[in-house]
Amino acid sequence: MTEHHDPLRSLFQQTADFGRARADAAPAAHITERGKRSHRRRVAVAAVGTCLVLAGGSAAAAVLLPQRPAPVVPATSPSPSTPAPPVPRPPASGMPTPGRTATSPPTGATSTRPPVTPTQPPAGGATTSLP
């Protein structure tokens, strides 16, 4: 049996023959250059993405973290010398402490005696003498 002539099959045969004649491998330098270009693009995209993530994270942290107040300074500055020993409090009974001549009443206590004030000599320098 003879095959009848198929026009579509002959067109495919011609196209395949044309493609085989023109097909050849690309030069290695061209392939290497395309690979380097692709690598540079990937590195640039990764660097830009990293910068955006860091900038966004820093901005979010600055907004969301509480702000710290300024440190509070002491009411009085500390003295450079050694601190004085603490003054002992007088007993609540009002008894004088040994080594002290006068005491003040405890806070909130009322005194029945008026405070003692020193007397001053009379003006003019005259003094009286007792016999």
N, C-alpha and C. Protein backbone atom coordinates (compact mmCIF):
# COMPACT_ATOMS: atom_id res chain seq x y z
N MET A 1 0.80 -1.16 0.00
CA MET A 1 0.00 0.00 0.00
C MET A 1 0.86 1.24 0.00
N THR A 2 0.44 2.12 -0.75
CA THR A 2 1.18 3.36 -0.81
C THR A 2 0.49 4.39 0.07
N GLU A 3 1.34 5.20 0.65
CA GLU A 3 0.78 6.26 1.51
C GLU A 3 0.38 7.43 0.64
N HIS A 4 -0.70 7.99 0.98
CA HIS A 4 -1.09 9.15 0.22
C HIS A 4 -0.35 10.37 0.76
N HIS A 5 -0.27 11.38 0.01
CA HIS A 5 0.51 12.55 0.33
C HIS A 5 -0.25 13.40 1.34
N ASP A 6 0.40 13.65 2.57
CA ASP A 6 -0.21 14.46 3.65
C ASP A 6 0.49 15.83 3.66
N PRO A 7 -0.20 16.93 3.34
CA PRO A 7 0.45 18.24 3.27
C PRO A 7 0.91 18.76 4.65
N LEU A 8 0.17 18.44 5.69
CA LEU A 8 0.54 18.92 7.02
C LEU A 8 1.83 18.25 7.49
N ARG A 9 1.94 16.99 7.18
CA ARG A 9 3.14 16.25 7.59
C ARG A 9 4.37 16.79 6.86
N SER A 10 4.27 17.11 5.64
CA SER A 10 5.41 17.64 4.90
C SER A 10 5.81 19.02 5.44
N LEU A 11 4.87 19.85 5.86
CA LEU A 11 5.19 21.17 6.44
C LEU A 11 5.95 20.99 7.78
N PHE A 12 5.52 20.06 8.60
CA PHE A 12 6.23 19.80 9.86
C PHE A 12 7.65 19.32 9.59
N GLN A 13 7.85 18.52 8.58
CA GLN A 13 9.18 18.01 8.22
C GLN A 13 10.09 19.16 7.77
N GLN A 14 9.56 20.07 7.01
CA GLN A 14 10.35 21.20 6.54
C GLN A 14 10.73 22.12 7.72
N THR A 15 9.81 22.33 8.60
CA THR A 15 10.08 23.19 9.77
C THR A 15 11.14 22.56 10.65
N ALA A 16 11.09 21.27 10.88
CA ALA A 16 12.08 20.59 11.70
C ALA A 16 13.45 20.65 11.05
N ASP A 17 13.54 20.48 9.75
CA ASP A 17 14.82 20.55 9.06
C ASP A 17 15.42 21.97 9.16
N PHE A 18 14.56 22.99 9.03
CA PHE A 18 15.02 24.37 9.15
C PHE A 18 15.56 24.63 10.57
N GLY A 19 14.86 24.15 11.62
CA GLY A 19 15.29 24.34 13.01
C GLY A 19 16.59 23.64 13.30
N ARG A 20 16.78 22.44 12.77
CA ARG A 20 18.04 21.70 13.00
C ARG A 20 19.23 22.42 12.37
N ALA A 21 19.01 23.01 11.24
CA ALA A 21 20.11 23.69 10.54
C ALA A 21 20.54 24.96 11.30
N ARG A 22 19.61 25.63 11.94
CA ARG A 22 19.93 26.90 12.61
C ARG A 22 20.26 26.73 14.07
N ALA A 23 20.01 25.60 14.66
CA ALA A 23 20.24 25.39 16.09
C ALA A 23 21.72 25.17 16.35
N ASP A 24 22.25 25.95 17.27
CA ASP A 24 23.61 25.75 17.74
C ASP A 24 23.68 26.24 19.19
N ALA A 25 24.67 25.82 19.94
CA ALA A 25 24.80 26.18 21.35
C ALA A 25 25.26 27.63 21.47
N ALA A 26 24.76 28.32 22.48
CA ALA A 26 25.19 29.69 22.72
C ALA A 26 26.62 29.67 23.26
N PRO A 27 27.38 30.72 22.98
CA PRO A 27 28.75 30.77 23.49
C PRO A 27 28.77 30.76 25.03
N ALA A 28 29.80 30.18 25.62
CA ALA A 28 29.92 30.06 27.08
C ALA A 28 29.98 31.44 27.74
N ALA A 29 30.63 32.41 27.11
CA ALA A 29 30.72 33.76 27.68
C ALA A 29 29.34 34.39 27.81
N HIS A 30 28.49 34.14 26.80
CA HIS A 30 27.14 34.70 26.85
C HIS A 30 26.33 34.07 27.99
N ILE A 31 26.45 32.78 28.18
CA ILE A 31 25.73 32.08 29.24
C ILE A 31 26.23 32.54 30.62
N THR A 32 27.57 32.70 30.74
CA THR A 32 28.15 33.16 32.00
C THR A 32 27.67 34.57 32.34
N GLU A 33 27.63 35.45 31.35
CA GLU A 33 27.18 36.82 31.58
C GLU A 33 25.72 36.85 32.03
N ARG A 34 24.87 36.05 31.44
CA ARG A 34 23.46 35.99 31.87
C ARG A 34 23.36 35.50 33.32
N GLY A 35 24.17 34.53 33.70
CA GLY A 35 24.15 34.02 35.08
C GLY A 35 24.61 35.08 36.08
N LYS A 36 25.66 35.83 35.74
CA LYS A 36 26.15 36.89 36.62
C LYS A 36 25.11 38.00 36.78
N ARG A 37 24.48 38.36 35.67
CA ARG A 37 23.45 39.39 35.72
C ARG A 37 22.29 38.96 36.63
N SER A 38 21.88 37.72 36.50
CA SER A 38 20.80 37.19 37.33
C SER A 38 21.20 37.19 38.80
N HIS A 39 22.43 36.82 39.09
CA HIS A 39 22.92 36.79 40.48
C HIS A 39 22.94 38.19 41.07
N ARG A 40 23.42 39.19 40.30
CA ARG A 40 23.44 40.57 40.79
C ARG A 40 22.03 41.06 41.10
N ARG A 41 21.07 40.73 40.27
CA ARG A 41 19.68 41.13 40.53
C ARG A 41 19.16 40.52 41.82
N ARG A 42 19.43 39.23 42.03
CA ARG A 42 18.95 38.56 43.24
C ARG A 42 19.58 39.17 44.50
N VAL A 43 20.88 39.48 44.44
CA VAL A 43 21.56 40.08 45.60
C VAL A 43 21.00 41.48 45.87
N ALA A 44 20.76 42.25 44.81
CA ALA A 44 20.21 43.60 44.99
C ALA A 44 18.81 43.54 45.61
N VAL A 45 17.98 42.62 45.15
CA VAL A 45 16.62 42.48 45.71
C VAL A 45 16.70 42.06 47.17
N ALA A 46 17.62 41.14 47.51
CA ALA A 46 17.77 40.71 48.90
C ALA A 46 18.24 41.86 49.78
N ALA A 47 19.18 42.69 49.30
CA ALA A 47 19.68 43.82 50.07
C ALA A 47 18.58 44.86 50.31
N VAL A 48 17.81 45.17 49.29
CA VAL A 48 16.72 46.14 49.44
C VAL A 48 15.67 45.60 50.40
N GLY A 49 15.34 44.32 50.28
CA GLY A 49 14.37 43.71 51.19
C GLY A 49 14.84 43.75 52.64
N THR A 50 16.13 43.46 52.85
CA THR A 50 16.69 43.51 54.21
C THR A 50 16.63 44.92 54.78
N CYS A 51 16.97 45.90 53.97
CA CYS A 51 16.91 47.30 54.44
C CYS A 51 15.48 47.70 54.80
N LEU A 52 14.53 47.30 53.98
CA LEU A 52 13.14 47.63 54.28
C LEU A 52 12.66 46.97 55.56
N VAL A 53 13.05 45.71 55.77
CA VAL A 53 12.64 45.02 56.99
C VAL A 53 13.26 45.68 58.21
N LEU A 54 14.55 46.03 58.15
CA LEU A 54 15.21 46.68 59.28
C LEU A 54 14.61 48.06 59.56
N ALA A 55 14.35 48.84 58.52
CA ALA A 55 13.77 50.17 58.72
C ALA A 55 12.36 50.06 59.30
N GLY A 56 11.57 49.14 58.78
CA GLY A 56 10.21 48.97 59.31
C GLY A 56 10.22 48.47 60.73
N GLY A 57 11.10 47.54 61.06
CA GLY A 57 11.19 47.04 62.44
C GLY A 57 11.65 48.11 63.40
N SER A 58 12.61 48.93 62.98
CA SER A 58 13.09 50.02 63.84
C SER A 58 11.99 51.05 64.07
N ALA A 59 11.25 51.38 63.04
CA ALA A 59 10.16 52.35 63.19
C ALA A 59 9.07 51.81 64.10
N ALA A 60 8.73 50.54 63.93
CA ALA A 60 7.71 49.94 64.79
C ALA A 60 8.18 49.87 66.23
N ALA A 61 9.45 49.54 66.45
CA ALA A 61 9.97 49.48 67.82
C ALA A 61 9.97 50.86 68.46
N ALA A 62 10.31 51.89 67.70
CA ALA A 62 10.32 53.24 68.24
C ALA A 62 8.93 53.70 68.63
N VAL A 63 7.94 53.28 67.87
CA VAL A 63 6.56 53.70 68.16
C VAL A 63 5.96 52.88 69.30
N LEU A 64 6.22 51.58 69.32
CA LEU A 64 5.55 50.71 70.27
C LEU A 64 6.23 50.62 71.63
N LEU A 65 7.53 50.80 71.70
CA LEU A 65 8.21 50.70 72.99
C LEU A 65 7.92 51.94 73.82
N PRO A 66 7.77 51.78 75.15
CA PRO A 66 7.48 52.95 75.99
C PRO A 66 8.71 53.85 76.08
N GLN A 67 8.44 55.14 76.13
CA GLN A 67 9.52 56.10 76.26
C GLN A 67 9.95 56.16 77.72
N ARG A 68 11.24 56.18 77.98
CA ARG A 68 11.75 56.25 79.35
C ARG A 68 11.83 57.71 79.77
N PRO A 69 11.35 58.02 80.99
CA PRO A 69 11.46 59.41 81.45
C PRO A 69 12.91 59.74 81.80
N ALA A 70 13.20 61.01 81.87
CA ALA A 70 14.54 61.45 82.23
C ALA A 70 14.82 61.03 83.67
N PRO A 71 16.06 60.72 84.01
CA PRO A 71 16.36 60.32 85.38
C PRO A 71 16.11 61.46 86.35
N VAL A 72 15.63 61.12 87.52
CA VAL A 72 15.32 62.12 88.54
C VAL A 72 16.59 62.43 89.31
N VAL A 73 16.91 63.71 89.42
CA VAL A 73 18.10 64.12 90.16
C VAL A 73 17.75 64.21 91.64
N PRO A 74 18.72 64.02 92.54
CA PRO A 74 18.41 64.13 93.96
C PRO A 74 18.05 65.55 94.34
N ALA A 75 17.29 65.70 95.44
CA ALA A 75 16.85 67.02 95.90
C ALA A 75 18.04 67.86 96.32
N THR A 76 19.01 67.26 96.97
CA THR A 76 20.23 67.97 97.35
C THR A 76 21.39 67.17 96.82
N SER A 77 22.43 67.87 96.48
CA SER A 77 23.60 67.16 95.97
C SER A 77 24.36 66.57 97.15
N PRO A 78 24.90 65.38 97.00
CA PRO A 78 25.64 64.78 98.10
C PRO A 78 26.93 65.53 98.36
N SER A 79 27.32 65.62 99.65
CA SER A 79 28.54 66.35 99.99
C SER A 79 29.74 65.44 99.76
N PRO A 80 30.86 66.01 99.40
CA PRO A 80 32.04 65.18 99.15
C PRO A 80 32.67 64.64 100.42
N SER A 81 32.40 65.26 101.58
CA SER A 81 33.00 64.79 102.82
C SER A 81 32.19 63.63 103.39
N THR A 82 32.72 63.03 104.44
CA THR A 82 32.02 61.91 105.07
C THR A 82 30.77 62.42 105.76
N PRO A 83 29.72 61.65 105.79
CA PRO A 83 28.48 62.12 106.40
C PRO A 83 28.63 62.24 107.92
N ALA A 84 27.91 63.20 108.47
CA ALA A 84 27.92 63.42 109.92
C ALA A 84 27.14 62.30 110.59
N PRO A 85 27.54 61.93 111.82
CA PRO A 85 26.79 60.88 112.51
C PRO A 85 25.38 61.37 112.82
N PRO A 86 24.43 60.48 112.86
CA PRO A 86 23.05 60.92 113.13
C PRO A 86 22.91 61.43 114.56
N VAL A 87 22.07 62.46 114.70
CA VAL A 87 21.83 63.07 116.02
C VAL A 87 20.80 62.21 116.75
N PRO A 88 21.12 61.75 117.99
CA PRO A 88 20.15 60.93 118.71
C PRO A 88 18.94 61.75 119.13
N ARG A 89 17.80 61.16 119.09
CA ARG A 89 16.57 61.84 119.48
C ARG A 89 16.46 61.82 121.00
N PRO A 90 15.97 62.90 121.58
CA PRO A 90 15.79 62.91 123.04
C PRO A 90 14.67 61.93 123.43
N PRO A 91 14.75 61.39 124.61
CA PRO A 91 13.69 60.50 125.05
C PRO A 91 12.34 61.20 125.07
N ALA A 92 11.30 60.45 124.93
CA ALA A 92 9.95 61.02 124.88
C ALA A 92 9.53 61.61 126.22
N SER A 93 10.21 61.26 127.32
CA SER A 93 9.81 61.76 128.64
C SER A 93 10.24 63.19 128.86
N GLY A 94 11.11 63.75 128.02
CA GLY A 94 11.54 65.12 128.18
C GLY A 94 12.77 65.23 129.07
N MET A 95 13.37 64.14 129.49
CA MET A 95 14.58 64.18 130.31
C MET A 95 15.75 64.61 129.43
N PRO A 96 16.66 65.42 129.99
CA PRO A 96 17.80 65.87 129.18
C PRO A 96 18.74 64.71 128.89
N THR A 97 19.33 64.78 127.74
CA THR A 97 20.30 63.78 127.34
C THR A 97 21.65 64.18 127.93
N PRO A 98 22.43 63.23 128.43
CA PRO A 98 23.75 63.60 129.00
C PRO A 98 24.61 64.27 127.94
N GLY A 99 25.30 65.35 128.38
CA GLY A 99 26.17 66.08 127.47
C GLY A 99 25.46 67.21 126.77
N ARG A 100 24.17 67.36 126.96
CA ARG A 100 23.42 68.45 126.31
C ARG A 100 22.84 69.33 127.40
N THR A 101 22.75 70.63 127.12
CA THR A 101 22.26 71.55 128.14
C THR A 101 20.78 71.84 127.99
N ALA A 102 20.26 71.83 126.81
CA ALA A 102 18.84 72.15 126.62
C ALA A 102 18.24 71.12 125.69
N THR A 103 16.99 70.85 125.92
CA THR A 103 16.28 69.93 125.04
C THR A 103 15.03 70.60 124.53
N SER A 104 14.58 70.15 123.42
CA SER A 104 13.32 70.66 122.89
C SER A 104 12.27 69.60 123.12
N PRO A 105 11.02 70.02 123.36
CA PRO A 105 9.97 69.03 123.61
C PRO A 105 9.73 68.22 122.34
N PRO A 106 9.26 67.00 122.50
CA PRO A 106 8.96 66.19 121.32
C PRO A 106 7.91 66.87 120.45
N THR A 107 7.91 66.54 119.20
CA THR A 107 6.97 67.14 118.26
C THR A 107 5.54 66.82 118.69
N GLY A 108 4.73 67.82 118.70
CA GLY A 108 3.33 67.62 119.08
C GLY A 108 3.08 67.82 120.57
N ALA A 109 4.13 67.92 121.40
CA ALA A 109 3.95 68.09 122.85
C ALA A 109 3.79 69.58 123.16
N THR A 110 3.03 69.90 124.17
CA THR A 110 2.85 71.29 124.59
C THR A 110 3.68 71.53 125.83
N SER A 111 4.26 72.69 125.92
CA SER A 111 5.11 73.04 127.05
C SER A 111 4.32 73.93 128.00
N THR A 112 4.50 73.68 129.30
CA THR A 112 3.83 74.52 130.30
C THR A 112 4.71 75.67 130.72
N ARG A 113 6.03 75.59 130.51
CA ARG A 113 6.95 76.66 130.88
C ARG A 113 7.29 77.47 129.64
N PRO A 114 7.45 78.80 129.82
CA PRO A 114 7.89 79.61 128.68
C PRO A 114 9.36 79.31 128.39
N PRO A 115 9.80 79.51 127.19
CA PRO A 115 11.21 79.27 126.87
C PRO A 115 12.11 80.25 127.60
N VAL A 116 13.31 79.79 127.98
CA VAL A 116 14.28 80.61 128.71
C VAL A 116 15.05 81.43 127.69
N THR A 117 15.13 82.76 127.96
CA THR A 117 15.90 83.64 127.08
C THR A 117 17.02 84.24 127.91
N PRO A 118 18.21 84.36 127.36
CA PRO A 118 19.31 84.96 128.12
C PRO A 118 19.06 86.44 128.34
N THR A 119 19.49 86.94 129.48
CA THR A 119 19.32 88.36 129.80
C THR A 119 20.53 89.12 129.30
N GLN A 120 20.28 90.34 128.89
CA GLN A 120 21.36 91.17 128.38
C GLN A 120 21.72 92.21 129.45
N PRO A 121 22.98 92.61 129.52
CA PRO A 121 23.36 93.65 130.49
C PRO A 121 22.73 94.97 130.11
N PRO A 122 22.51 95.86 131.09
CA PRO A 122 21.90 97.16 130.80
C PRO A 122 22.80 97.97 129.88
N ALA A 123 22.20 98.82 129.13
CA ALA A 123 22.91 99.66 128.19
C ALA A 123 23.76 100.67 128.94
N GLY A 124 24.81 101.12 128.38
CA GLY A 124 25.66 102.15 128.98
C GLY A 124 26.85 101.54 129.70
N GLY A 125 26.97 100.29 129.81
CA GLY A 125 28.14 99.65 130.38
C GLY A 125 28.16 99.64 131.89
N ALA A 126 27.14 100.17 132.58
CA ALA A 126 27.15 100.18 134.05
C ALA A 126 26.80 98.82 134.57
N THR A 127 27.57 98.40 135.55
CA THR A 127 27.29 97.12 136.16
C THR A 127 26.97 97.32 137.62
N THR A 128 26.17 96.54 138.15
CA THR A 128 25.83 96.64 139.58
C THR A 128 26.57 95.56 140.29
N SER A 129 27.03 95.90 141.47
CA SER A 129 27.73 94.90 142.26
C SER A 129 26.95 94.64 143.53
N LEU A 130 27.00 93.48 143.97
CA LEU A 130 26.29 93.10 145.17
C LEU A 130 27.26 93.18 146.36
N PRO A 131 26.77 93.69 147.57
CA PRO A 131 27.65 93.83 148.73
C PRO A 131 28.06 92.53 149.36
